[in-house]
Structure formats: structure tokens, C-alpha cells
């Protein structure tokens, strides 16, 4: 697996320009599916996320209205909030380390296939750039909104 190198803040959060993000993404594509750089073809983003990045996909309702599309979980926790449509309320679930949770609506509606692929790629970006920044901290990334839960709150 390609290991990208980039500058970080003192707290480990990456400092990346748009061009640097594009260069890193191109490096991942070159390493995983090089032919996609030279001929038009579908990039296997699901295999990239699961087999190449080592992330485990899970599908849950992340909200009552579909506002959150994905979440990256770096540390095992029992405090991942999801929506239960049967009880019409939020519940906490368990998630193992290195899990990507995708909103279930994206696999239930074929018209959402482009959003599913985008969200898988988006979460792969979090996995590649921020995983090391949150050692000891549970981080969720629901479509760009980040929040940190200290380890004592995640157990």
C-alpha cells in the first residue's frame, strides 16, 4: 500500500493543498488500479476501501433524514449514534476500529449509486489522511463534519 507523506499540525491533523490531495489520490489509483489512469474504466472504490485501505464497511441509518452519508471510525467503540427507523429514535451501536459506516439509504436506492461511490471514496480519503492523527481518540466523519469523542467517552 502506498504511504502518503504530508505536513501536519502539531496535533497530527494534515495540512494539504488541493494539488497535494490530487497528487496523493493519483498515487493511490496508480498503486491500486493503474489502468484507470490511462483508459476510461470504472474505479473499484469498494475494493479499494476494503481490500487496499483495510477498512470494514458497515451500513446503518446515520440520521432520520439522510443528512449524513458516511462516517469513519478509527477506534473500537460502543458509542456510534445511528438512527433506528423502527423505534424512530437514535441508538448507540458498537463499531470496530477501521470501520467505514455508510448510510443505508445509499444501498437501498439504485438512484443513489453515484452518491454511494462518492461517499466510499470520501471516507477512504479520511482513512488515508487522518487515521494516524487520532490515535487514542474516536473520530467520526459524517460527510465532512468532524467530532472527537475522548477515549473515556467511547467505552
Protein backbone atom coordinates (compact mmCIF):
# COMPACT_ATOMS: atom_id res chain seq x y z
CA UNK A 1 0.00 0.00 0.00
CA UNK A 2 1.22 3.47 -0.83
CA UNK A 3 2.08 5.58 2.22
CA UNK A 4 1.46 9.26 1.52
CA UNK A 5 3.69 11.84 3.15
CA UNK A 6 2.36 15.26 4.06
CA UNK A 7 2.82 18.07 6.53
CA UNK A 8 0.77 18.01 9.73
CA UNK A 9 -0.08 20.38 12.51
CA UNK A 10 1.32 19.68 15.98
CA UNK A 11 -1.83 17.68 16.78
CA UNK A 12 -1.36 15.44 13.73
CA UNK A 13 -4.07 16.96 11.55
CA UNK A 14 -2.87 17.00 7.94
CA UNK A 15 -2.10 20.21 6.08
CA UNK A 16 -2.89 19.53 2.44
CA UNK A 17 -3.46 21.76 -0.55
CA UNK A 18 -5.92 20.82 -3.29
CA UNK A 19 -3.00 19.89 -5.55
CA UNK A 20 -1.42 17.72 -2.84
CA UNK A 21 -4.73 15.89 -2.32
CA UNK A 22 -4.97 15.29 -6.08
CA UNK A 23 -1.38 14.02 -6.22
CA UNK A 24 -1.98 11.61 -3.32
CA UNK A 25 -5.22 10.37 -4.89
CA UNK A 26 -3.44 9.78 -8.20
CA UNK A 27 -0.73 7.85 -6.35
CA UNK A 28 -3.34 5.59 -4.75
CA UNK A 29 -5.02 4.96 -8.10
CA UNK A 30 -1.64 4.22 -9.71
CA UNK A 31 -0.82 1.73 -6.94
CA UNK A 32 -4.25 0.04 -6.80
CA UNK A 33 -5.65 0.18 -10.34
CA UNK A 34 -3.10 1.81 -12.63
CA UNK A 35 -5.07 1.07 -15.80
CA UNK A 36 -7.73 3.56 -14.64
CA UNK A 37 -5.19 6.36 -15.27
CA UNK A 38 -4.77 5.53 -18.94
CA UNK A 39 -8.09 4.12 -20.12
CA UNK A 40 -11.66 5.04 -19.22
CA UNK A 41 -12.95 2.47 -16.76
CA UNK A 42 -14.83 2.27 -13.51
CA UNK A 43 -12.61 2.53 -10.45
CA UNK A 44 -13.43 -0.24 -7.97
CA UNK A 45 -13.83 2.06 -5.00
CA UNK A 46 -15.46 -0.63 -2.83
CA UNK A 47 -12.48 -2.98 -3.25
CA UNK A 48 -10.12 -0.04 -2.78
CA UNK A 49 -11.73 0.86 0.55
CA UNK A 50 -12.00 -2.69 1.85
CA UNK A 51 -9.06 -4.61 0.37
CA UNK A 52 -6.49 -1.86 -0.19
CA UNK A 53 -7.23 0.52 2.70
CA UNK A 54 -8.14 -2.28 5.14
CA UNK A 55 -11.41 -0.66 6.20
CA UNK A 56 -14.51 -2.69 7.07
CA UNK A 57 -17.73 -1.40 5.50
CA UNK A 58 -20.94 -1.27 7.54
CA UNK A 59 -24.33 0.09 6.54
CA UNK A 60 -26.55 1.87 9.07
CA UNK A 61 -29.06 4.69 9.08
CA UNK A 62 -26.88 7.59 10.22
CA UNK A 63 -29.77 10.02 10.73
CA UNK A 64 -33.52 10.29 10.49
CA UNK A 65 -33.36 12.31 7.27
CA UNK A 66 -30.25 11.14 5.39
CA UNK A 67 -28.18 14.24 6.10
CA UNK A 68 -25.07 12.18 6.97
CA UNK A 69 -23.74 9.92 4.23
CA UNK A 70 -20.68 8.35 5.83
CA UNK A 71 -18.60 8.05 8.96
CA UNK A 72 -15.06 6.78 9.55
CA UNK A 73 -14.35 5.04 12.87
CA UNK A 74 -10.70 4.70 13.83
CA UNK A 75 -11.00 3.18 17.32
CA UNK A 76 -13.32 0.49 18.65
CA UNK A 77 -16.29 1.97 20.45
CA UNK A 78 -19.82 1.28 21.65
CA UNK A 79 -20.88 4.92 21.17
CA UNK A 80 -21.67 5.34 17.48
CA UNK A 81 -25.02 7.12 17.19
CA UNK A 82 -27.31 5.73 14.48
CA UNK A 83 -31.00 6.11 13.72
CA UNK A 84 -33.38 3.21 14.29
CA UNK A 85 -36.37 3.66 11.94
CA UNK A 86 -38.39 1.03 13.83
CA UNK A 87 -38.28 2.93 17.13
CA UNK A 88 -37.91 6.37 15.49
CA UNK A 89 -35.00 7.28 17.76
CA UNK A 90 -31.24 7.38 17.91
CA UNK A 91 -29.39 4.41 19.37
CA UNK A 92 -25.74 3.70 20.10
CA UNK A 93 -24.09 0.78 18.31
CA UNK A 94 -20.71 -0.92 18.50
CA UNK A 95 -18.14 -0.36 15.77
CA UNK A 96 -14.75 -1.98 15.46
CA UNK A 97 -11.64 0.03 14.68
CA UNK A 98 -11.14 0.85 10.98
CA UNK A 99 -14.82 0.73 10.09
CA UNK A 100 -16.50 2.90 7.49
CA UNK A 101 -20.20 3.32 8.13
CA UNK A 102 -22.25 4.29 5.08
CA UNK A 103 -25.84 5.45 5.31
CA UNK A 104 -28.08 2.51 4.42
CA UNK A 105 -30.23 4.67 2.14
CA UNK A 106 -27.37 4.72 -0.37
CA UNK A 107 -27.62 0.96 -0.98
CA UNK A 108 -31.42 0.83 -0.85
CA UNK A 109 -31.98 3.24 -3.73
CA UNK A 110 -30.31 2.48 -7.08
CA UNK A 111 -30.54 6.18 -7.95
CA UNK A 112 -28.06 6.80 -5.12
CA UNK A 113 -25.26 4.65 -6.64
CA UNK A 114 -23.17 7.72 -7.57
CA UNK A 115 -23.50 9.05 -4.01
CA UNK A 116 -22.51 5.65 -2.60
CA UNK A 117 -19.32 5.60 -4.67
CA UNK A 118 -18.54 9.22 -3.81
CA UNK A 119 -19.06 8.57 -0.09
CA UNK A 120 -16.85 5.47 -0.15
CA UNK A 121 -14.09 7.49 -1.81
CA UNK A 122 -14.61 10.39 0.59
CA UNK A 123 -14.26 8.13 3.62
CA UNK A 124 -11.19 6.45 2.06
CA UNK A 125 -9.70 9.95 1.97
CA UNK A 126 -10.26 10.31 5.70
CA UNK A 127 -8.74 6.88 6.30
CA UNK A 128 -5.63 7.76 4.29
CA UNK A 129 -5.01 11.21 5.71
CA UNK A 130 -6.31 11.36 9.28
CA UNK A 131 -6.05 7.84 10.74
CA UNK A 132 -2.73 8.50 12.50
CA UNK A 133 -3.86 11.89 13.79
CA UNK A 134 -6.45 10.33 16.09
CA UNK A 135 -4.60 7.64 17.95
CA UNK A 136 -6.48 7.20 21.20
CA UNK A 137 -9.38 9.33 20.03
CA UNK A 138 -12.62 8.19 18.42
CA UNK A 139 -13.40 10.28 15.38
CA UNK A 140 -16.50 10.24 13.26
CA UNK A 141 -16.66 11.92 9.89
CA UNK A 142 -20.28 12.25 8.80
CA UNK A 143 -19.75 13.79 5.36
CA UNK A 144 -17.18 16.36 6.39
CA UNK A 145 -18.44 17.16 9.88
CA UNK A 146 -15.81 16.03 12.39
CA UNK A 147 -16.26 15.45 16.07
CA UNK A 148 -13.91 13.97 18.64
CA UNK A 149 -15.03 11.76 21.47
CA UNK A 150 -12.35 11.22 24.08
CA UNK A 151 -11.50 7.59 24.78
CA UNK A 152 -13.23 7.64 28.18
CA UNK A 153 -16.50 8.61 26.45
CA UNK A 154 -16.19 5.90 23.77
CA UNK A 155 -16.34 2.95 26.14
